[in-house]
Each structure stands twice: as C-alpha cells, then as structure tokens.
Amino acid sequence: MKFYTVGDNVITEGEIKARIKGSETVYKPIEAYLLANPEACN
C-alpha cells in the first residue's frame, strides 16, 4: 500500500498501523452485524 501526503508532511509506519487498527474497530462490528442479519442489506 502506498500513501501520498500533502506538502512536506510525513506519515510513519506506526501511524499507518494505528489508523488501520482504528478502522478495524469500526468495520468488524458492522461486518458481524451484517453477517448475522443478511436481511439488513435488502
């Protein structure tokens, strides 16, 4: 995965990992709900 920043900002590997982990905390419960309730997608 490649990231591009605006200006001379630098993003570290640790920041990338933290953002991915933060996204997973939102994504995983939604995924679990949709798998348990497939009719919610209709």
Protein backbone atom coordinates (compact mmCIF):
# COMPACT_ATOMS: atom_id res chain seq x y z
CA MET A 1 0.00 0.00 0.00
CA LYS A 2 1.33 3.41 -0.91
CA PHE A 3 0.36 6.69 0.75
CA TYR A 4 0.87 10.19 -0.59
CA THR A 5 0.78 13.23 1.67
CA VAL A 6 0.08 16.88 1.03
CA GLY A 7 3.04 19.20 1.22
CA ASP A 8 6.04 18.01 3.20
CA ASN A 9 4.02 16.02 5.76
CA VAL A 10 5.41 12.61 6.67
CA ILE A 11 3.39 9.65 7.88
CA THR A 12 5.20 6.93 9.80
CA GLU A 13 4.62 3.18 9.63
CA GLY A 14 3.30 3.35 13.21
CA GLU A 15 0.70 5.96 12.25
CA ILE A 16 -0.43 3.84 9.30
CA LYS A 17 -0.83 0.78 11.51
CA ALA A 18 -2.73 2.79 14.13
CA ARG A 19 -5.17 4.14 11.53
CA ILE A 20 -5.75 0.69 10.08
CA LYS A 21 -6.39 -0.73 13.56
CA GLY A 22 -8.78 2.15 14.28
CA SER A 23 -10.68 1.42 11.08
CA GLU A 24 -10.99 -2.23 12.05
CA THR A 25 -12.69 -1.30 15.33
CA VAL A 26 -15.50 0.25 13.27
CA TYR A 27 -15.53 -2.29 10.45
CA LYS A 28 -15.58 -5.53 12.48
CA PRO A 29 -18.83 -4.87 14.43
CA ILE A 30 -20.59 -3.78 11.23
CA GLU A 31 -19.39 -6.91 9.46
CA ALA A 32 -20.57 -9.10 12.35
CA TYR A 33 -24.00 -7.45 12.34
CA LEU A 34 -24.45 -7.84 8.59
CA LEU A 35 -23.36 -11.47 8.67
CA ALA A 36 -25.83 -12.18 11.47
CA ASN A 37 -28.60 -10.17 9.78
CA PRO A 38 -28.31 -10.57 6.00
CA GLU A 39 -31.83 -9.17 5.53
CA ALA A 40 -30.48 -5.78 6.67
CA CYS A 41 -28.87 -5.39 3.23
CA ASN A 42 -32.16 -5.61 1.34
